């Protein structure tokens, strides 16, 4: 069963949260509500999220301050943030949003289809990144258990079969990432394109690590670097 991605919706107005849920329900992912910046930060302590939709105008800790806290934490600093605001104060206000670490800044009222499309891109990138980490973890664990038998001797056949299987799985992820990149080229969303490029670099790094583990390279027992 494919694990669903979590999307964090942060807004102090219940009717706005309800509207966001209605727009994003078609993505069939897990939608998590937070009615304040403090509540959002608490949710981020325990759960991993594909993307955060963050209202700018909130009492107490506003969206900019909440984003600053998110970006200061190592666990959460790479989560994409889409700012939503009911008031457009001009270029300076928009620049402040990007400076706070947002990948996008959308003024209300917004086109529901556009918002859903933007969020779906980050959900898809998140899922590909999860697949990549799982492949790397599986390879690392099985090489550790498969290369060395009870006697401590190297068993070459089992790792070779494992490498072939994981190479095929990685190829499938690479193919999906390439197709996604082509879609992003057409959408011309600079932030999403940059995120996809980062994913492709990590895929390239894992491919090189797998190639280095092929028999005859002299690196079969070397460690596999973990993707960032």
C-alpha atoms as a PDB file:
ATOM      1  CA  UNK A   1       0.000   0.000   0.000  1.00  0.00           C
ATOM      2  CA  UNK A   2       1.394   3.401  -0.998  1.00  0.00           C
ATOM      3  CA  UNK A   3       1.910   5.733   1.944  1.00  0.00           C
ATOM      4  CA  UNK A   4       0.027   9.010   1.586  1.00  0.00           C
ATOM      5  CA  UNK A   5       1.840  12.324   1.874  1.00  0.00           C
ATOM      6  CA  UNK A   6       0.839  14.803   4.584  1.00  0.00           C
ATOM      7  CA  UNK A   7      -0.040  18.401   3.709  1.00  0.00           C
ATOM      8  CA  UNK A   8      -0.098  20.974   6.511  1.00  0.00           C
ATOM      9  CA  UNK A   9      -2.803  23.661   6.257  1.00  0.00           C
ATOM     10  CA  UNK A  10      -2.240  26.643   8.549  1.00  0.00           C
ATOM     11  CA  UNK A  11      -4.942  29.310   8.947  1.00  0.00           C
ATOM     12  CA  UNK A  12      -6.657  30.867  11.954  1.00  0.00           C
ATOM     13  CA  UNK A  13     -10.062  30.939  10.199  1.00  0.00           C
ATOM     14  CA  UNK A  14     -11.952  27.584  10.158  1.00  0.00           C
ATOM     15  CA  UNK A  15     -13.826  28.518   6.964  1.00  0.00           C
ATOM     16  CA  UNK A  16     -10.506  28.999   5.146  1.00  0.00           C
ATOM     17  CA  UNK A  17      -9.261  25.618   6.309  1.00  0.00           C
ATOM     18  CA  UNK A  18     -12.502  24.042   5.144  1.00  0.00           C
ATOM     19  CA  UNK A  19     -12.112  25.675   1.721  1.00  0.00           C
ATOM     20  CA  UNK A  20      -8.524  24.423   1.402  1.00  0.00           C
ATOM     21  CA  UNK A  21      -9.614  20.899   2.323  1.00  0.00           C
ATOM     22  CA  UNK A  22     -12.327  21.022  -0.348  1.00  0.00           C
ATOM     23  CA  UNK A  23      -9.806  22.155  -2.979  1.00  0.00           C
ATOM     24  CA  UNK A  24      -7.116  19.614  -2.072  1.00  0.00           C
ATOM     25  CA  UNK A  25      -9.307  16.604  -1.281  1.00  0.00           C
ATOM     26  CA  UNK A  26      -9.029  15.457  -4.912  1.00  0.00           C
ATOM     27  CA  UNK A  27      -5.296  14.799  -4.373  1.00  0.00           C
ATOM     28  CA  UNK A  28      -6.231  11.969  -1.980  1.00  0.00           C
ATOM     29  CA  UNK A  29      -3.493  12.813   0.527  1.00  0.00           C
ATOM     30  CA  UNK A  30      -3.576  13.360   4.295  1.00  0.00           C
ATOM     31  CA  UNK A  31      -4.600  16.933   5.142  1.00  0.00           C
ATOM     32  CA  UNK A  32      -3.570  18.190   8.597  1.00  0.00           C
ATOM     33  CA  UNK A  33      -5.108  21.352  10.084  1.00  0.00           C
ATOM     34  CA  UNK A  34      -3.360  23.934  12.257  1.00  0.00           C
ATOM     35  CA  UNK A  35      -5.196  27.052  13.444  1.00  0.00           C
ATOM     36  CA  UNK A  36      -2.078  28.989  14.520  1.00  0.00           C
ATOM     37  CA  UNK A  37       1.647  29.196  13.974  1.00  0.00           C
ATOM     38  CA  UNK A  38       2.276  27.577  17.346  1.00  0.00           C
ATOM     39  CA  UNK A  39       0.004  24.655  16.473  1.00  0.00           C
ATOM     40  CA  UNK A  40       1.782  24.239  13.126  1.00  0.00           C
ATOM     41  CA  UNK A  41       5.198  24.095  14.794  1.00  0.00           C
ATOM     42  CA  UNK A  42       3.912  21.484  17.228  1.00  0.00           C
ATOM     43  CA  UNK A  43       2.651  19.304  14.341  1.00  0.00           C
ATOM     44  CA  UNK A  44       6.038  19.617  12.618  1.00  0.00           C
ATOM     45  CA  UNK A  45       7.792  18.156  15.666  1.00  0.00           C
ATOM     46  CA  UNK A  46       6.355  14.694  15.066  1.00  0.00           C
ATOM     47  CA  UNK A  47       5.188  14.424  11.448  1.00  0.00           C
ATOM     48  CA  UNK A  48       6.839  14.800   8.044  1.00  0.00           C
ATOM     49  CA  UNK A  49       5.039  16.946   5.481  1.00  0.00           C
ATOM     50  CA  UNK A  50       5.302  17.233   1.707  1.00  0.00           C
ATOM     51  CA  UNK A  51       4.286  20.907   1.642  1.00  0.00           C
ATOM     52  CA  UNK A  52       2.915  23.607   3.956  1.00  0.00           C
ATOM     53  CA  UNK A  53       0.142  26.055   3.010  1.00  0.00           C
ATOM     54  CA  UNK A  54       0.633  28.967   5.387  1.00  0.00           C
ATOM     55  CA  UNK A  55      -1.641  31.957   5.881  1.00  0.00           C
ATOM     56  CA  UNK A  56       0.250  35.228   6.299  1.00  0.00           C
ATOM     57  CA  UNK A  57      -2.265  37.220   8.390  1.00  0.00           C
ATOM     58  CA  UNK A  58      -2.707  35.420  11.728  1.00  0.00           C
ATOM     59  CA  UNK A  59      -3.033  36.794  15.266  1.00  0.00           C
ATOM     60  CA  UNK A  60      -0.043  36.196  17.505  1.00  0.00           C
ATOM     61  CA  UNK A  61       2.628  34.440  15.473  1.00  0.00           C
ATOM     62  CA  UNK A  62       2.012  35.439  11.859  1.00  0.00           C
ATOM     63  CA  UNK A  63       2.987  33.487   8.756  1.00  0.00           C
ATOM     64  CA  UNK A  64       6.379  35.162   8.333  1.00  0.00           C
ATOM     65  CA  UNK A  65       7.412  34.400  11.904  1.00  0.00           C
ATOM     66  CA  UNK A  66       6.126  30.833  11.649  1.00  0.00           C
ATOM     67  CA  UNK A  67       8.110  30.303   8.440  1.00  0.00           C
ATOM     68  CA  UNK A  68      11.249  31.662  10.113  1.00  0.00           C
ATOM     69  CA  UNK A  69      10.925  29.058  12.890  1.00  0.00           C
ATOM     70  CA  UNK A  70      10.346  26.292  10.316  1.00  0.00           C
ATOM     71  CA  UNK A  71      13.441  27.261   8.332  1.00  0.00           C
ATOM     72  CA  UNK A  72      15.621  27.378  11.463  1.00  0.00           C
ATOM     73  CA  UNK A  73      14.893  23.746  12.314  1.00  0.00           C
ATOM     74  CA  UNK A  74      17.077  21.202  10.564  1.00  0.00           C
ATOM     75  CA  UNK A  75      14.221  18.680  10.433  1.00  0.00           C
ATOM     76  CA  UNK A  76      11.821  21.049   8.657  1.00  0.00           C
ATOM     77  CA  UNK A  77      13.909  23.628   6.791  1.00  0.00           C
ATOM     78  CA  UNK A  78      13.569  21.900   3.407  1.00  0.00           C
ATOM     79  CA  UNK A  79       9.764  21.575   3.471  1.00  0.00           C
ATOM     80  CA  UNK A  80       8.247  23.764   0.711  1.00  0.00           C
ATOM     81  CA  UNK A  81       6.073  26.608   2.034  1.00  0.00           C
ATOM     82  CA  UNK A  82       3.315  28.247  -0.019  1.00  0.00           C
ATOM     83  CA  UNK A  83       2.165  31.532   1.516  1.00  0.00           C
ATOM     84  CA  UNK A  84      -1.502  32.461   1.184  1.00  0.00           C
ATOM     85  CA  UNK A  85      -2.620  36.025   1.839  1.00  0.00           C
ATOM     86  CA  UNK A  86      -5.877  37.955   1.540  1.00  0.00           C
ATOM     87  CA  UNK A  87      -4.038  41.272   1.231  1.00  0.00           C
ATOM     88  CA  UNK A  88      -1.537  42.194  -1.460  1.00  0.00           C
ATOM     89  CA  UNK A  89       0.731  44.944  -0.161  1.00  0.00           C
ATOM     90  CA  UNK A  90       2.793  45.066  -3.337  1.00  0.00           C
ATOM     91  CA  UNK A  91       6.265  43.797  -4.334  1.00  0.00           C
ATOM     92  CA  UNK A  92       7.847  44.507  -0.952  1.00  0.00           C
ATOM     93  CA  UNK A  93       5.346  42.294   0.858  1.00  0.00           C
ATOM     94  CA  UNK A  94       5.815  39.543  -1.740  1.00  0.00           C
ATOM     95  CA  UNK A  95       9.592  39.806  -1.446  1.00  0.00           C
ATOM     96  CA  UNK A  96       9.309  39.412   2.321  1.00  0.00           C
ATOM     97  CA  UNK A  97       7.445  36.152   1.723  1.00  0.00           C
ATOM     98  CA  UNK A  98      10.178  34.757  -0.507  1.00  0.00           C
ATOM     99  CA  UNK A  99      12.859  36.018   1.878  1.00  0.00           C
ATOM    100  CA  UNK A 100      11.152  34.059   4.663  1.00  0.00           C
ATOM    101  CA  UNK A 101      11.704  30.881   2.646  1.00  0.00           C
ATOM    102  CA  UNK A 102       8.475  30.485   0.688  1.00  0.00           C
ATOM    103  CA  UNK A 103       8.538  28.695  -2.669  1.00  0.00           C
ATOM    104  CA  UNK A 104       5.387  30.554  -3.720  1.00  0.00           C
ATOM    105  CA  UNK A 105       3.259  33.493  -2.610  1.00  0.00           C
ATOM    106  CA  UNK A 106      -0.410  33.433  -3.630  1.00  0.00           C
ATOM    107  CA  UNK A 107      -2.967  36.191  -3.081  1.00  0.00           C
ATOM    108  CA  UNK A 108      -6.603  35.397  -2.310  1.00  0.00           C
ATOM    109  CA  UNK A 109      -8.917  34.841  -4.010  1.00  0.00           C
ATOM    110  CA  UNK A 110      -6.877  32.277  -5.935  1.00  0.00           C
ATOM    111  CA  UNK A 111      -7.746  29.839  -8.692  1.00  0.00           C
ATOM    112  CA  UNK A 112      -8.491  26.478  -6.979  1.00  0.00           C
ATOM    113  CA  UNK A 113      -7.162  24.532  -9.975  1.00  0.00           C
ATOM    114  CA  UNK A 114      -3.844  26.418  -9.948  1.00  0.00           C
ATOM    115  CA  UNK A 115      -3.366  25.913  -6.207  1.00  0.00           C
ATOM    116  CA  UNK A 116      -4.181  22.203  -6.490  1.00  0.00           C
ATOM    117  CA  UNK A 117      -1.743  21.823  -9.412  1.00  0.00           C
ATOM    118  CA  UNK A 118       1.071  23.552  -7.505  1.00  0.00           C
ATOM    119  CA  UNK A 119       0.522  21.439  -4.392  1.00  0.00           C
ATOM    120  CA  UNK A 120       0.374  18.235  -6.455  1.00  0.00           C
ATOM    121  CA  UNK A 121       3.828  18.959  -7.880  1.00  0.00           C
ATOM    122  CA  UNK A 122       5.375  19.149  -4.413  1.00  0.00           C
ATOM    123  CA  UNK A 123       3.496  16.051  -3.267  1.00  0.00           C
ATOM    124  CA  UNK A 124       4.858  14.119  -6.237  1.00  0.00           C
ATOM    125  CA  UNK A 125       8.400  15.321  -5.590  1.00  0.00           C
ATOM    126  CA  UNK A 126       8.048  14.324  -1.934  1.00  0.00           C
ATOM    127  CA  UNK A 127       6.886  10.828  -2.878  1.00  0.00           C
ATOM    128  CA  UNK A 128       9.827  10.388  -5.283  1.00  0.00           C
ATOM    129  CA  UNK A 129      12.212  11.536  -2.568  1.00  0.00           C
ATOM    130  CA  UNK A 130      10.711   8.992  -0.143  1.00  0.00           C
ATOM    131  CA  UNK A 131      11.204   6.238  -2.716  1.00  0.00           C
ATOM    132  CA  UNK A 132      14.806   7.296  -3.145  1.00  0.00           C
ATOM    133  CA  UNK A 133      15.504   7.130   0.601  1.00  0.00           C
ATOM    134  CA  UNK A 134      13.836   3.726   0.859  1.00  0.00           C
ATOM    135  CA  UNK A 135      15.934   2.324  -1.996  1.00  0.00           C
ATOM    136  CA  UNK A 136      19.144   3.627  -0.408  1.00  0.00           C
ATOM    137  CA  UNK A 137      18.205   2.259   3.011  1.00  0.00           C
ATOM    138  CA  UNK A 138      17.245  -1.135   1.588  1.00  0.00           C
ATOM    139  CA  UNK A 139      20.493  -1.373  -0.340  1.00  0.00           C
ATOM    140  CA  UNK A 140      22.543  -0.457   2.701  1.00  0.00           C
ATOM    141  CA  UNK A 141      20.818  -2.942   5.007  1.00  0.00           C
ATOM    142  CA  UNK A 142      20.848  -5.845   2.558  1.00  0.00           C
ATOM    143  CA  UNK A 143      24.464  -5.314   1.568  1.00  0.00           C
ATOM    144  CA  UNK A 144      25.407  -5.417   5.243  1.00  0.00           C
ATOM    145  CA  UNK A 145      23.525  -8.677   5.812  1.00  0.00           C
ATOM    146  CA  UNK A 146      24.184 -10.248   2.405  1.00  0.00           C
ATOM    147  CA  UNK A 147      27.862  -9.571   1.795  1.00  0.00           C
ATOM    148  CA  UNK A 148      29.056 -11.241   4.980  1.00  0.00           C
ATOM    149  CA  UNK A 149      27.980 -14.757   5.969  1.00  0.00           C
ATOM    150  CA  UNK A 150      28.194 -16.342   9.403  1.00  0.00           C
ATOM    151  CA  UNK A 151      31.848 -17.175   8.854  1.00  0.00           C
ATOM    152  CA  UNK A 152      32.598 -13.566   7.945  1.00  0.00           C
ATOM    153  CA  UNK A 153      33.465 -14.471   4.355  1.00  0.00           C
ATOM    154  CA  UNK A 154      32.216 -12.437   1.400  1.00  0.00           C
ATOM    155  CA  UNK A 155      29.379 -14.026  -0.544  1.00  0.00           C
ATOM    156  CA  UNK A 156      29.543 -12.446  -4.038  1.00  0.00           C
ATOM    157  CA  UNK A 157      26.435 -13.938  -5.641  1.00  0.00           C
ATOM    158  CA  UNK A 158      23.805 -12.508  -3.303  1.00  0.00           C
ATOM    159  CA  UNK A 159      24.994  -8.868  -3.470  1.00  0.00           C
ATOM    160  CA  UNK A 160      25.178  -9.086  -7.280  1.00  0.00           C
ATOM    161  CA  UNK A 161      21.560 -10.201  -7.456  1.00  0.00           C
ATOM    162  CA  UNK A 162      20.575  -7.492  -4.963  1.00  0.00           C
ATOM    163  CA  UNK A 163      22.355  -4.791  -6.969  1.00  0.00           C
ATOM    164  CA  UNK A 164      20.563  -5.832 -10.138  1.00  0.00           C
ATOM    165  CA  UNK A 165      17.175  -5.676  -8.404  1.00  0.00           C
ATOM    166  CA  UNK A 166      17.797  -2.273  -6.827  1.00  0.00           C
ATOM    167  CA  UNK A 167      19.264  -0.910 -10.047  1.00  0.00           C
ATOM    168  CA  UNK A 168      16.004  -1.804 -11.787  1.00  0.00           C
ATOM    169  CA  UNK A 169      13.968  -0.133  -9.039  1.00  0.00           C
ATOM    170  CA  UNK A 170      16.113   2.984  -9.240  1.00  0.00           C
ATOM    171  CA  UNK A 171      15.648   3.055 -13.011  1.00  0.00           C
ATOM    172  CA  UNK A 172      11.874   3.156 -12.492  1.00  0.00           C
ATOM    173  CA  UNK A 173      12.217   6.124 -10.131  1.00  0.00           C
ATOM    174  CA  UNK A 174      14.574   7.841 -12.589  1.00  0.00           C
ATOM    175  CA  UNK A 175      12.040   7.396 -15.371  1.00  0.00           C
ATOM    176  CA  UNK A 176       9.252   8.902 -13.268  1.00  0.00           C
ATOM    177  CA  UNK A 177      11.470  11.819 -12.219  1.00  0.00           C
ATOM    178  CA  UNK A 178      12.374  12.514 -15.859  1.00  0.00           C
ATOM    179  CA  UNK A 179       8.704  12.563 -16.850  1.00  0.00           C
ATOM    180  CA  UNK A 180       7.937  14.910 -13.962  1.00  0.00           C
ATOM    181  CA  UNK A 181      10.750  17.262 -15.003  1.00  0.00           C
ATOM    182  CA  UNK A 182       9.313  17.479 -18.510  1.00  0.00           C
ATOM    183  CA  UNK A 183       5.927  18.459 -17.078  1.00  0.00           C
ATOM    184  CA  UNK A 184       7.585  21.123 -14.933  1.00  0.00           C
ATOM    185  CA  UNK A 185       9.360  22.598 -17.960  1.00  0.00           C
ATOM    186  CA  UNK A 186       5.965  23.202 -19.483  1.00  0.00           C
ATOM    187  CA  UNK A 187       4.542  24.750 -16.287  1.00  0.00           C
ATOM    188  CA  UNK A 188       7.533  27.123 -15.950  1.00  0.00           C
ATOM    189  CA  UNK A 189       7.200  27.150 -12.132  1.00  0.00           C
ATOM    190  CA  UNK A 190      10.756  28.121 -11.149  1.00  0.00           C
ATOM    191  CA  UNK A 191      10.508  26.903  -7.548  1.00  0.00           C
ATOM    192  CA  UNK A 192       9.177  23.492  -8.545  1.00  0.00           C
ATOM    193  CA  UNK A 193      11.784  23.174 -11.296  1.00  0.00           C
ATOM    194  CA  UNK A 194      14.550  23.883  -8.758  1.00  0.00           C
ATOM    195  CA  UNK A 195      13.148  21.243  -6.383  1.00  0.00           C
ATOM    196  CA  UNK A 196      12.968  18.697  -9.209  1.00  0.00           C
ATOM    197  CA  UNK A 197      16.563  19.479 -10.191  1.00  0.00           C
ATOM    198  CA  UNK A 198      17.624  18.829  -6.585  1.00  0.00           C
ATOM    199  CA  UNK A 199      15.870  15.455  -6.696  1.00  0.00           C
ATOM    200  CA  UNK A 200      17.579  14.587  -9.993  1.00  0.00           C
ATOM    201  CA  UNK A 201      20.983  15.355  -8.487  1.00  0.00           C
ATOM    202  CA  UNK A 202      20.276  12.971  -5.642  1.00  0.00           C
ATOM    203  CA  UNK A 203      19.152  10.298  -8.091  1.00  0.00           C
ATOM    204  CA  UNK A 204      22.382  10.786 -10.037  1.00  0.00           C
ATOM    205  CA  UNK A 205      24.400  10.398  -6.854  1.00  0.00           C
ATOM    206  CA  UNK A 206      22.648   7.165  -5.954  1.00  0.00           C
ATOM    207  CA  UNK A 207      23.115   5.823  -9.487  1.00  0.00           C
ATOM    208  CA  UNK A 208      26.855   6.521  -9.271  1.00  0.00           C
ATOM    209  CA  UNK A 209      27.003   4.775  -5.896  1.00  0.00           C
ATOM    210  CA  UNK A 210      25.251   1.724  -7.341  1.00  0.00           C
ATOM    211  CA  UNK A 211      27.591   1.679 -10.338  1.00  0.00           C
ATOM    212  CA  UNK A 212      30.576   1.830  -8.001  1.00  0.00           C
ATOM    213  CA  UNK A 213      29.309  -1.281  -6.216  1.00  0.00           C
ATOM    214  CA  UNK A 214      29.215  -3.341  -9.397  1.00  0.00           C
ATOM    215  CA  UNK A 215      31.601  -6.340  -9.385  1.00  0.00           C
ATOM    216  CA  UNK A 216      35.010  -5.478 -10.774  1.00  0.00           C
ATOM    217  CA  UNK A 217      35.042  -1.865  -9.596  1.00  0.00           C
ATOM    218  CA  UNK A 218      36.869  -2.680  -6.392  1.00  0.00           C
ATOM    219  CA  UNK A 219      34.282  -0.835  -4.309  1.00  0.00           C
ATOM    220  CA  UNK A 220      31.812  -3.616  -3.524  1.00  0.00           C
ATOM    221  CA  UNK A 221      32.371  -3.382   0.195  1.00  0.00           C
ATOM    222  CA  UNK A 222      32.434   0.395   0.377  1.00  0.00           C
ATOM    223  CA  UNK A 223      29.763   2.426   2.121  1.00  0.00           C
ATOM    224  CA  UNK A 224      26.834   3.889   0.209  1.00  0.00           C
ATOM    225  CA  UNK A 225      26.415   7.634   0.718  1.00  0.00           C
ATOM    226  CA  UNK A 226      23.020   8.598   2.069  1.00  0.00           C
ATOM    227  CA  UNK A 227      20.938  11.018   0.008  1.00  0.00           C
ATOM    228  CA  UNK A 228      20.405  14.438   1.645  1.00  0.00           C
END
